[in-house]
All heavy atoms as atom14 arrays in JSON, in Angstrom:
{
  "sequence": "GLNSRPDETVAATEIGIIGYSLDRRILDSCGLVTPEALEFLPVPR",
  "atom14_mask": [
    [1, 1, 1, 1, 0, 0, 0, 0, 0, 0, 0, 0, 0, 0],
    [1, 1, 1, 1, 1, 1, 1, 1, 0, 0, 0, 0, 0, 0],
    [1, 1, 1, 1, 1, 1, 1, 1, 0, 0, 0, 0, 0, 0],
    [1, 1, 1, 1, 1, 1, 0, 0, 0, 0, 0, 0, 0, 0],
    [1, 1, 1, 1, 1, 1, 1, 1, 1, 1, 1, 0, 0, 0],
    [1, 1, 1, 1, 1, 1, 1, 0, 0, 0, 0, 0, 0, 0],
    [1, 1, 1, 1, 1, 1, 1, 1, 0, 0, 0, 0, 0, 0],
    [1, 1, 1, 1, 1, 1, 1, 1, 1, 0, 0, 0, 0, 0],
    [1, 1, 1, 1, 1, 1, 1, 0, 0, 0, 0, 0, 0, 0],
    [1, 1, 1, 1, 1, 1, 1, 0, 0, 0, 0, 0, 0, 0],
    [1, 1, 1, 1, 1, 0, 0, 0, 0, 0, 0, 0, 0, 0],
    [1, 1, 1, 1, 1, 0, 0, 0, 0, 0, 0, 0, 0, 0],
    [1, 1, 1, 1, 1, 1, 1, 0, 0, 0, 0, 0, 0, 0],
    [1, 1, 1, 1, 1, 1, 1, 1, 1, 0, 0, 0, 0, 0],
    [1, 1, 1, 1, 1, 1, 1, 1, 0, 0, 0, 0, 0, 0],
    [1, 1, 1, 1, 0, 0, 0, 0, 0, 0, 0, 0, 0, 0],
    [1, 1, 1, 1, 1, 1, 1, 1, 0, 0, 0, 0, 0, 0],
    [1, 1, 1, 1, 1, 1, 1, 1, 0, 0, 0, 0, 0, 0],
    [1, 1, 1, 1, 0, 0, 0, 0, 0, 0, 0, 0, 0, 0],
    [1, 1, 1, 1, 1, 1, 1, 1, 1, 1, 1, 1, 0, 0],
    [1, 1, 1, 1, 1, 1, 0, 0, 0, 0, 0, 0, 0, 0],
    [1, 1, 1, 1, 1, 1, 1, 1, 0, 0, 0, 0, 0, 0],
    [1, 1, 1, 1, 1, 1, 1, 1, 0, 0, 0, 0, 0, 0],
    [1, 1, 1, 1, 1, 1, 1, 1, 1, 1, 1, 0, 0, 0],
    [1, 1, 1, 1, 1, 1, 1, 1, 1, 1, 1, 0, 0, 0],
    [1, 1, 1, 1, 1, 1, 1, 1, 0, 0, 0, 0, 0, 0],
    [1, 1, 1, 1, 1, 1, 1, 1, 0, 0, 0, 0, 0, 0],
    [1, 1, 1, 1, 1, 1, 1, 1, 0, 0, 0, 0, 0, 0],
    [1, 1, 1, 1, 1, 1, 0, 0, 0, 0, 0, 0, 0, 0],
    [1, 1, 1, 1, 1, 1, 0, 0, 0, 0, 0, 0, 0, 0],
    [1, 1, 1, 1, 0, 0, 0, 0, 0, 0, 0, 0, 0, 0],
    [1, 1, 1, 1, 1, 1, 1, 1, 0, 0, 0, 0, 0, 0],
    [1, 1, 1, 1, 1, 1, 1, 0, 0, 0, 0, 0, 0, 0],
    [1, 1, 1, 1, 1, 1, 1, 0, 0, 0, 0, 0, 0, 0],
    [1, 1, 1, 1, 1, 1, 1, 0, 0, 0, 0, 0, 0, 0],
    [1, 1, 1, 1, 1, 1, 1, 1, 1, 0, 0, 0, 0, 0],
    [1, 1, 1, 1, 1, 0, 0, 0, 0, 0, 0, 0, 0, 0],
    [1, 1, 1, 1, 1, 1, 1, 1, 0, 0, 0, 0, 0, 0],
    [1, 1, 1, 1, 1, 1, 1, 1, 1, 0, 0, 0, 0, 0],
    [1, 1, 1, 1, 1, 1, 1, 1, 1, 1, 1, 0, 0, 0],
    [1, 1, 1, 1, 1, 1, 1, 1, 0, 0, 0, 0, 0, 0],
    [1, 1, 1, 1, 1, 1, 1, 0, 0, 0, 0, 0, 0, 0],
    [1, 1, 1, 1, 1, 1, 1, 0, 0, 0, 0, 0, 0, 0],
    [1, 1, 1, 1, 1, 1, 1, 0, 0, 0, 0, 0, 0, 0],
    [1, 1, 1, 1, 1, 1, 1, 1, 1, 1, 1, 0, 0, 0]
  ],
  "atom14_positions": [
    [[-8.27, -10.66, -0.49], [-9.46, -10.49, 0.33], [-9.99, -11.81, 0.88], [-10.43, -11.89, 2.03], [0.0, 0.0, 0.0], [0.0, 0.0, 0.0], [0.0, 0.0, 0.0], [0.0, 0.0, 0.0], [0.0, 0.0, 0.0], [0.0, 0.0, 0.0], [0.0, 0.0, 0.0], [0.0, 0.0, 0.0], [0.0, 0.0, 0.0], [0.0, 0.0, 0.0]],
    [[-9.91, -12.84, 0.07], [-10.4, -14.16, 0.49], [-9.41, -14.89, 1.39], [-9.79, -15.82, 2.1], [-10.7, -15.02, -0.74], [-11.86, -14.57, -1.61], [-11.92, -15.4, -2.9], [-13.17, -14.66, -0.85], [0.0, 0.0, 0.0], [0.0, 0.0, 0.0], [0.0, 0.0, 0.0], [0.0, 0.0, 0.0], [0.0, 0.0, 0.0], [0.0, 0.0, 0.0]],
    [[-8.15, -14.5, 1.34], [-7.1, -15.23, 2.06], [-6.39, -14.4, 3.12], [-5.24, -14.67, 3.46], [-6.07, -15.77, 1.05], [-6.67, -16.83, 0.17], [-6.77, -17.98, 0.56], [-7.1, -16.44, -1.03], [0.0, 0.0, 0.0], [0.0, 0.0, 0.0], [0.0, 0.0, 0.0], [0.0, 0.0, 0.0], [0.0, 0.0, 0.0], [0.0, 0.0, 0.0]],
    [[-7.07, -13.4, 3.62], [-6.49, -12.55, 4.66], [-7.57, -12.16, 5.66], [-8.76, -12.31, 5.4], [-5.86, -11.29, 4.05], [-6.86, -10.47, 3.47], [0.0, 0.0, 0.0], [0.0, 0.0, 0.0], [0.0, 0.0, 0.0], [0.0, 0.0, 0.0], [0.0, 0.0, 0.0], [0.0, 0.0, 0.0], [0.0, 0.0, 0.0], [0.0, 0.0, 0.0]],
    [[-7.1, -11.64, 6.79], [-8.02, -11.13, 7.8], [-8.21, -9.63, 7.6], [-7.33, -8.97, 7.05], [-7.45, -11.39, 9.2], [-7.29, -12.86, 9.55], [-6.8, -13.04, 10.99], [-5.75, -12.11, 11.38], [-4.44, -12.34, 11.25], [-4.02, -13.46, 10.72], [-3.56, -11.44, 11.65], [0.0, 0.0, 0.0], [0.0, 0.0, 0.0], [0.0, 0.0, 0.0]],
    [[-9.33, -9.08, 8.07], [-9.58, -7.64, 7.89], [-8.53, -6.73, 8.52], [-8.34, -5.61, 8.07], [-10.93, -7.43, 8.57], [-11.59, -8.77, 8.52], [-10.48, -9.78, 8.64], [0.0, 0.0, 0.0], [0.0, 0.0, 0.0], [0.0, 0.0, 0.0], [0.0, 0.0, 0.0], [0.0, 0.0, 0.0], [0.0, 0.0, 0.0], [0.0, 0.0, 0.0]],
    [[-7.8, -7.2, 9.53], [-6.8, -6.35, 10.19], [-5.43, -6.43, 9.53], [-4.5, -5.75, 9.95], [-6.69, -6.72, 11.67], [-6.19, -8.14, 11.89], [-6.47, -9.02, 11.05], [-5.51, -8.37, 12.92], [0.0, 0.0, 0.0], [0.0, 0.0, 0.0], [0.0, 0.0, 0.0], [0.0, 0.0, 0.0], [0.0, 0.0, 0.0], [0.0, 0.0, 0.0]],
    [[-5.27, -7.22, 8.47], [-3.97, -7.37, 7.82], [-3.74, -6.24, 6.81], [-4.68, -5.67, 6.27], [-3.85, -8.74, 7.16], [-3.78, -9.85, 8.21], [-3.53, -11.21, 7.62], [-4.28, -11.61, 6.71], [-2.6, -11.88, 8.08], [0.0, 0.0, 0.0], [0.0, 0.0, 0.0], [0.0, 0.0, 0.0], [0.0, 0.0, 0.0], [0.0, 0.0, 0.0]],
    [[-2.46, -5.96, 6.56], [-2.09, -4.85, 5.68], [-1.49, -5.37, 4.37], [-0.94, -6.47, 4.31], [-1.06, -3.93, 6.36], [0.08, -4.7, 6.74], [-1.65, -3.24, 7.57], [0.0, 0.0, 0.0], [0.0, 0.0, 0.0], [0.0, 0.0, 0.0], [0.0, 0.0, 0.0], [0.0, 0.0, 0.0], [0.0, 0.0, 0.0], [0.0, 0.0, 0.0]],
    [[-1.61, -4.54, 3.34], [-1.12, -4.88, 2.01], [-0.27, -3.73, 1.49], [-0.75, -2.6, 1.41], [-2.3, -5.14, 1.04], [-1.79, -5.46, -0.35], [-3.21, -6.23, 1.56], [0.0, 0.0, 0.0], [0.0, 0.0, 0.0], [0.0, 0.0, 0.0], [0.0, 0.0, 0.0], [0.0, 0.0, 0.0], [0.0, 0.0, 0.0], [0.0, 0.0, 0.0]],
    [[0.98, -4.02, 1.12], [1.84, -3.02, 0.49], [1.78, -3.22, -1.01], [1.78, -4.35, -1.5], [3.28, -3.15, 0.97], [0.0, 0.0, 0.0], [0.0, 0.0, 0.0], [0.0, 0.0, 0.0], [0.0, 0.0, 0.0], [0.0, 0.0, 0.0], [0.0, 0.0, 0.0], [0.0, 0.0, 0.0], [0.0, 0.0, 0.0], [0.0, 0.0, 0.0]],
    [[1.7, -2.13, -1.76], [1.61, -2.21, -3.22], [2.28, -0.99, -3.84], [2.38, 0.06, -3.21], [0.15, -2.31, -3.66], [0.0, 0.0, 0.0], [0.0, 0.0, 0.0], [0.0, 0.0, 0.0], [0.0, 0.0, 0.0], [0.0, 0.0, 0.0], [0.0, 0.0, 0.0], [0.0, 0.0, 0.0], [0.0, 0.0, 0.0], [0.0, 0.0, 0.0]],
    [[2.72, -1.17, -5.09], [3.29, -0.04, -5.82], [2.23, 0.72, -6.6], [2.33, 1.92, -6.78], [4.38, -0.52, -6.8], [3.91, -1.66, -7.47], [5.66, -0.84, -6.07], [0.0, 0.0, 0.0], [0.0, 0.0, 0.0], [0.0, 0.0, 0.0], [0.0, 0.0, 0.0], [0.0, 0.0, 0.0], [0.0, 0.0, 0.0], [0.0, 0.0, 0.0]],
    [[1.23, 0.0, -7.08], [0.09, 0.61, -7.77], [-1.15, 0.27, -6.97], [-1.6, -0.87, -6.97], [-0.02, 0.08, -9.2], [1.17, 0.45, -10.06], [1.01, -0.03, -11.49], [0.91, -1.25, -11.71], [0.99, 0.83, -12.4], [0.0, 0.0, 0.0], [0.0, 0.0, 0.0], [0.0, 0.0, 0.0], [0.0, 0.0, 0.0], [0.0, 0.0, 0.0]],
    [[-1.69, 1.25, -6.28], [-2.74, 0.96, -5.31], [-4.16, 1.17, -5.82], [-5.1, 0.84, -5.13], [-2.54, 1.79, -4.03], [-2.68, 3.29, -4.33], [-1.22, 1.48, -3.38], [-2.8, 4.15, -3.1], [0.0, 0.0, 0.0], [0.0, 0.0, 0.0], [0.0, 0.0, 0.0], [0.0, 0.0, 0.0], [0.0, 0.0, 0.0], [0.0, 0.0, 0.0]],
    [[-4.33, 1.68, -7.02], [-5.65, 2.04, -7.53], [-6.72, 0.98, -7.37], [-7.61, 1.09, -6.53], [0.0, 0.0, 0.0], [0.0, 0.0, 0.0], [0.0, 0.0, 0.0], [0.0, 0.0, 0.0], [0.0, 0.0, 0.0], [0.0, 0.0, 0.0], [0.0, 0.0, 0.0], [0.0, 0.0, 0.0], [0.0, 0.0, 0.0], [0.0, 0.0, 0.0]],
    [[-6.68, -0.05, -8.18], [-7.71, -1.09, -8.13], [-7.63, -1.88, -6.84], [-8.65, -2.28, -6.29], [-7.6, -2.0, -9.37], [-8.13, -1.25, -10.59], [-8.36, -3.31, -9.18], [-8.09, -2.02, -11.88], [0.0, 0.0, 0.0], [0.0, 0.0, 0.0], [0.0, 0.0, 0.0], [0.0, 0.0, 0.0], [0.0, 0.0, 0.0], [0.0, 0.0, 0.0]],
    [[-6.41, -2.09, -6.33], [-6.27, -2.82, -5.08], [-6.97, -2.06, -3.95], [-7.75, -2.63, -3.19], [-4.79, -3.06, -4.75], [-4.19, -4.03, -5.78], [-4.61, -3.6, -3.34], [-2.71, -4.18, -5.7], [0.0, 0.0, 0.0], [0.0, 0.0, 0.0], [0.0, 0.0, 0.0], [0.0, 0.0, 0.0], [0.0, 0.0, 0.0], [0.0, 0.0, 0.0]],
    [[-6.7, -0.78, -3.85], [-7.34, 0.02, -2.81], [-8.84, 0.15, -2.99], [-9.59, 0.19, -2.02], [0.0, 0.0, 0.0], [0.0, 0.0, 0.0], [0.0, 0.0, 0.0], [0.0, 0.0, 0.0], [0.0, 0.0, 0.0], [0.0, 0.0, 0.0], [0.0, 0.0, 0.0], [0.0, 0.0, 0.0], [0.0, 0.0, 0.0], [0.0, 0.0, 0.0]],
    [[-9.28, 0.19, -4.23], [-10.7, 0.31, -4.52], [-11.44, -1.0, -4.2], [-12.54, -0.99, -3.66], [-10.9, 0.67, -5.99], [-12.34, 0.8, -6.39], [-13.07, 1.95, -6.09], [-12.99, -0.24, -7.07], [-14.4, 2.06, -6.46], [-14.32, -0.13, -7.44], [-15.02, 1.02, -7.13], [-16.34, 1.12, -7.49], [0.0, 0.0, 0.0], [0.0, 0.0, 0.0]],
    [[-10.8, -2.12, -4.51], [-11.45, -3.43, -4.41], [-11.29, -4.11, -3.06], [-12.07, -4.99, -2.72], [-10.88, -4.39, -5.46], [-10.96, -3.84, -6.74], [0.0, 0.0, 0.0], [0.0, 0.0, 0.0], [0.0, 0.0, 0.0], [0.0, 0.0, 0.0], [0.0, 0.0, 0.0], [0.0, 0.0, 0.0], [0.0, 0.0, 0.0], [0.0, 0.0, 0.0]],
    [[-10.28, -3.74, -2.31], [-9.91, -4.5, -1.14], [-10.14, -3.7, 0.14], [-9.63, -2.6, 0.28], [-8.42, -4.89, -1.26], [-7.84, -5.85, -0.27], [-8.59, -7.18, -0.28], [-6.37, -6.09, -0.6], [0.0, 0.0, 0.0], [0.0, 0.0, 0.0], [0.0, 0.0, 0.0], [0.0, 0.0, 0.0], [0.0, 0.0, 0.0], [0.0, 0.0, 0.0]],
    [[-10.88, -4.28, 1.05], [-11.16, -3.62, 2.33], [-10.1, -4.01, 3.35], [-10.37, -4.72, 4.31], [-12.56, -4.02, 2.81], [-13.0, -3.23, 4.02], [-12.42, -2.15, 4.27], [-13.9, -3.7, 4.74], [0.0, 0.0, 0.0], [0.0, 0.0, 0.0], [0.0, 0.0, 0.0], [0.0, 0.0, 0.0], [0.0, 0.0, 0.0], [0.0, 0.0, 0.0]],
    [[-8.88, -3.55, 3.09], [-7.75, -3.77, 3.97], [-6.95, -2.48, 4.01], [-7.09, -1.62, 3.13], [-6.82, -4.9, 3.46], [-7.46, -6.25, 3.27], [-7.79, -6.92, 4.59], [-8.37, -8.24, 4.41], [-9.66, -8.49, 4.26], [-10.54, -7.5, 4.23], [-10.1, -9.73, 4.15], [0.0, 0.0, 0.0], [0.0, 0.0, 0.0], [0.0, 0.0, 0.0]],
    [[-6.07, -2.34, 5.0], [-5.2, -1.17, 5.02], [-4.16, -1.35, 3.93], [-3.43, -2.34, 3.9], [-4.51, -1.02, 6.37], [-3.63, 0.2, 6.41], [-3.18, 0.56, 7.8], [-2.32, 1.73, 7.71], [-1.08, 1.76, 8.15], [-0.56, 0.73, 8.76], [-0.37, 2.85, 8.01], [0.0, 0.0, 0.0], [0.0, 0.0, 0.0], [0.0, 0.0, 0.0]],
    [[-4.09, -0.39, 3.01], [-3.18, -0.44, 1.89], [-2.02, 0.52, 2.15], [-2.24, 1.69, 2.48], [-3.89, -0.03, 0.57], [-5.18, -0.83, 0.36], [-2.94, -0.16, -0.61], [-5.0, -2.31, 0.21], [0.0, 0.0, 0.0], [0.0, 0.0, 0.0], [0.0, 0.0, 0.0], [0.0, 0.0, 0.0], [0.0, 0.0, 0.0], [0.0, 0.0, 0.0]],
    [[-0.81, 0.01, 1.99], [0.4, 0.82, 2.14], [0.95, 1.11, 0.75], [1.3, 0.2, 0.01], [1.44, 0.07, 2.98], [0.96, -0.34, 4.38], [1.98, -1.26, 5.03], [0.71, 0.89, 5.23], [0.0, 0.0, 0.0], [0.0, 0.0, 0.0], [0.0, 0.0, 0.0], [0.0, 0.0, 0.0], [0.0, 0.0, 0.0], [0.0, 0.0, 0.0]],
    [[1.04, 2.36, 0.42], [1.47, 2.82, -0.91], [2.97, 3.08, -0.9], [3.42, 4.06, -0.29], [0.68, 4.08, -1.26], [1.21, 4.79, -2.48], [1.84, 4.14, -3.33], [0.98, 6.01, -2.57], [0.0, 0.0, 0.0], [0.0, 0.0, 0.0], [0.0, 0.0, 0.0], [0.0, 0.0, 0.0], [0.0, 0.0, 0.0], [0.0, 0.0, 0.0]],
    [[3.74, 2.23, -1.57], [5.2, 2.38, -1.54], [5.69, 3.62, -2.3], [6.85, 4.01, -2.15], [5.88, 1.13, -2.11], [5.66, 1.02, -3.5], [0.0, 0.0, 0.0], [0.0, 0.0, 0.0], [0.0, 0.0, 0.0], [0.0, 0.0, 0.0], [0.0, 0.0, 0.0], [0.0, 0.0, 0.0], [0.0, 0.0, 0.0], [0.0, 0.0, 0.0]],
    [[4.83, 4.24, -3.08], [5.21, 5.47, -3.79], [4.97, 6.72, -2.95], [5.32, 7.83, -3.36], [4.45, 5.57, -5.11], [4.92, 4.29, -6.28], [0.0, 0.0, 0.0], [0.0, 0.0, 0.0], [0.0, 0.0, 0.0], [0.0, 0.0, 0.0], [0.0, 0.0, 0.0], [0.0, 0.0, 0.0], [0.0, 0.0, 0.0], [0.0, 0.0, 0.0]],
    [[4.35, 6.56, -1.79], [4.18, 7.67, -0.86], [3.06, 8.62, -1.16], [2.95, 9.67, -0.52], [0.0, 0.0, 0.0], [0.0, 0.0, 0.0], [0.0, 0.0, 0.0], [0.0, 0.0, 0.0], [0.0, 0.0, 0.0], [0.0, 0.0, 0.0], [0.0, 0.0, 0.0], [0.0, 0.0, 0.0], [0.0, 0.0, 0.0], [0.0, 0.0, 0.0]],
    [[2.19, 8.3, -2.11], [1.1, 9.22, -2.44], [0.07, 9.32, -1.31], [-0.46, 10.39, -1.06], [0.42, 8.78, -3.74], [1.32, 8.78, -4.97], [0.6, 8.19, -6.16], [1.82, 10.17, -5.27], [0.0, 0.0, 0.0], [0.0, 0.0, 0.0], [0.0, 0.0, 0.0], [0.0, 0.0, 0.0], [0.0, 0.0, 0.0], [0.0, 0.0, 0.0]],
    [[-0.21, 8.19, -0.64], [-1.17, 8.2, 0.46], [-0.6, 7.58, 1.74], [-1.29, 7.49, 2.74], [-2.49, 7.49, 0.09], [-3.2, 8.21, -1.04], [-2.26, 6.03, -0.27], [0.0, 0.0, 0.0], [0.0, 0.0, 0.0], [0.0, 0.0, 0.0], [0.0, 0.0, 0.0], [0.0, 0.0, 0.0], [0.0, 0.0, 0.0], [0.0, 0.0, 0.0]],
    [[0.66, 7.17, 1.68], [1.33, 6.57, 2.84], [2.6, 7.36, 3.13], [3.65, 7.1, 2.54], [1.67, 5.08, 2.58], [0.48, 4.4, 2.16], [2.23, 4.41, 3.82], [0.0, 0.0, 0.0], [0.0, 0.0, 0.0], [0.0, 0.0, 0.0], [0.0, 0.0, 0.0], [0.0, 0.0, 0.0], [0.0, 0.0, 0.0], [0.0, 0.0, 0.0]],
    [[2.52, 8.33, 4.06], [3.68, 9.18, 4.33], [4.91, 8.41, 4.81], [6.04, 8.87, 4.62], [3.19, 10.14, 5.41], [1.72, 9.97, 5.49], [1.35, 8.7, 4.83], [0.0, 0.0, 0.0], [0.0, 0.0, 0.0], [0.0, 0.0, 0.0], [0.0, 0.0, 0.0], [0.0, 0.0, 0.0], [0.0, 0.0, 0.0], [0.0, 0.0, 0.0]],
    [[4.72, 7.23, 5.41], [5.86, 6.44, 5.88], [6.82, 6.09, 4.75], [8.0, 5.81, 4.98], [5.39, 5.13, 6.55], [4.55, 5.31, 7.77], [3.05, 5.32, 7.48], [2.65, 5.7, 6.37], [2.27, 4.94, 8.37], [0.0, 0.0, 0.0], [0.0, 0.0, 0.0], [0.0, 0.0, 0.0], [0.0, 0.0, 0.0], [0.0, 0.0, 0.0]],
    [[6.33, 6.08, 3.52], [7.18, 5.71, 2.37], [8.14, 6.82, 1.97], [9.18, 6.55, 1.37], [6.3, 5.35, 1.17], [0.0, 0.0, 0.0], [0.0, 0.0, 0.0], [0.0, 0.0, 0.0], [0.0, 0.0, 0.0], [0.0, 0.0, 0.0], [0.0, 0.0, 0.0], [0.0, 0.0, 0.0], [0.0, 0.0, 0.0], [0.0, 0.0, 0.0]],
    [[7.82, 8.05, 2.32], [8.6, 9.19, 1.83], [10.07, 9.15, 2.23], [10.94, 9.55, 1.46], [7.96, 10.5, 2.27], [6.56, 10.75, 1.7], [5.98, 12.03, 2.27], [6.58, 10.77, 0.19], [0.0, 0.0, 0.0], [0.0, 0.0, 0.0], [0.0, 0.0, 0.0], [0.0, 0.0, 0.0], [0.0, 0.0, 0.0], [0.0, 0.0, 0.0]],
    [[10.38, 8.63, 3.41], [11.79, 8.6, 3.83], [12.62, 7.61, 3.02], [13.84, 7.65, 3.05], [11.9, 8.29, 5.32], [11.58, 6.86, 5.7], [11.79, 6.61, 7.19], [12.93, 6.3, 7.59], [10.8, 6.73, 7.92], [0.0, 0.0, 0.0], [0.0, 0.0, 0.0], [0.0, 0.0, 0.0], [0.0, 0.0, 0.0], [0.0, 0.0, 0.0]],
    [[11.97, 6.73, 2.25], [12.67, 5.75, 1.44], [12.72, 6.13, -0.04], [13.17, 5.35, -0.87], [12.03, 4.37, 1.61], [11.99, 3.95, 3.05], [10.81, 4.05, 3.77], [13.13, 3.52, 3.69], [10.77, 3.7, 5.11], [13.11, 3.16, 5.03], [11.92, 3.26, 5.74], [0.0, 0.0, 0.0], [0.0, 0.0, 0.0], [0.0, 0.0, 0.0]],
    [[12.26, 7.34, -0.34], [12.24, 7.83, -1.71], [13.14, 9.04, -1.86], [13.25, 9.83, -0.93], [10.8, 8.21, -2.09], [9.79, 7.07, -1.99], [8.38, 7.6, -2.24], [10.11, 5.95, -2.95], [0.0, 0.0, 0.0], [0.0, 0.0, 0.0], [0.0, 0.0, 0.0], [0.0, 0.0, 0.0], [0.0, 0.0, 0.0], [0.0, 0.0, 0.0]],
    [[13.79, 9.22, -2.96], [13.84, 8.3, -4.09], [14.63, 7.04, -3.74], [15.52, 7.07, -2.89], [14.53, 9.09, -5.2], [15.38, 10.09, -4.47], [14.65, 10.41, -3.19], [0.0, 0.0, 0.0], [0.0, 0.0, 0.0], [0.0, 0.0, 0.0], [0.0, 0.0, 0.0], [0.0, 0.0, 0.0], [0.0, 0.0, 0.0], [0.0, 0.0, 0.0]],
    [[14.28, 5.98, -4.42], [14.95, 4.7, -4.19], [16.36, 4.79, -4.77], [16.53, 5.23, -5.91], [14.16, 3.55, -4.86], [14.85, 2.22, -4.66], [12.73, 3.52, -4.33], [0.0, 0.0, 0.0], [0.0, 0.0, 0.0], [0.0, 0.0, 0.0], [0.0, 0.0, 0.0], [0.0, 0.0, 0.0], [0.0, 0.0, 0.0], [0.0, 0.0, 0.0]],
    [[17.38, 4.39, -4.01], [18.75, 4.46, -4.52], [18.93, 3.65, -5.8], [18.31, 2.61, -5.98], [19.6, 3.86, -3.39], [18.73, 3.85, -2.19], [17.31, 3.84, -2.67], [0.0, 0.0, 0.0], [0.0, 0.0, 0.0], [0.0, 0.0, 0.0], [0.0, 0.0, 0.0], [0.0, 0.0, 0.0], [0.0, 0.0, 0.0], [0.0, 0.0, 0.0]],
    [[19.77, 4.14, -6.67], [20.0, 3.5, -7.98], [20.39, 2.03, -7.84], [19.94, 1.2, -8.62], [21.09, 4.28, -8.73], [21.45, 3.71, -10.06], [20.7, 4.43, -11.12], [21.16, 4.0, -12.43], [20.44, 4.15, -13.49], [19.27, 4.73, -13.42], [20.87, 3.76, -14.64], [0.0, 0.0, 0.0], [0.0, 0.0, 0.0], [0.0, 0.0, 0.0]]
  ]
}
């Protein structure tokens, strides 16, 4: 939050506290709230 601009995005695997604490667009790599992730799941072995 201190080292980014408001229009920048953040990708994370666990978005709970990050999404709660940070006023930025959060990209959820697990696809729970970011549908763009679904095409990459499940992750290949």
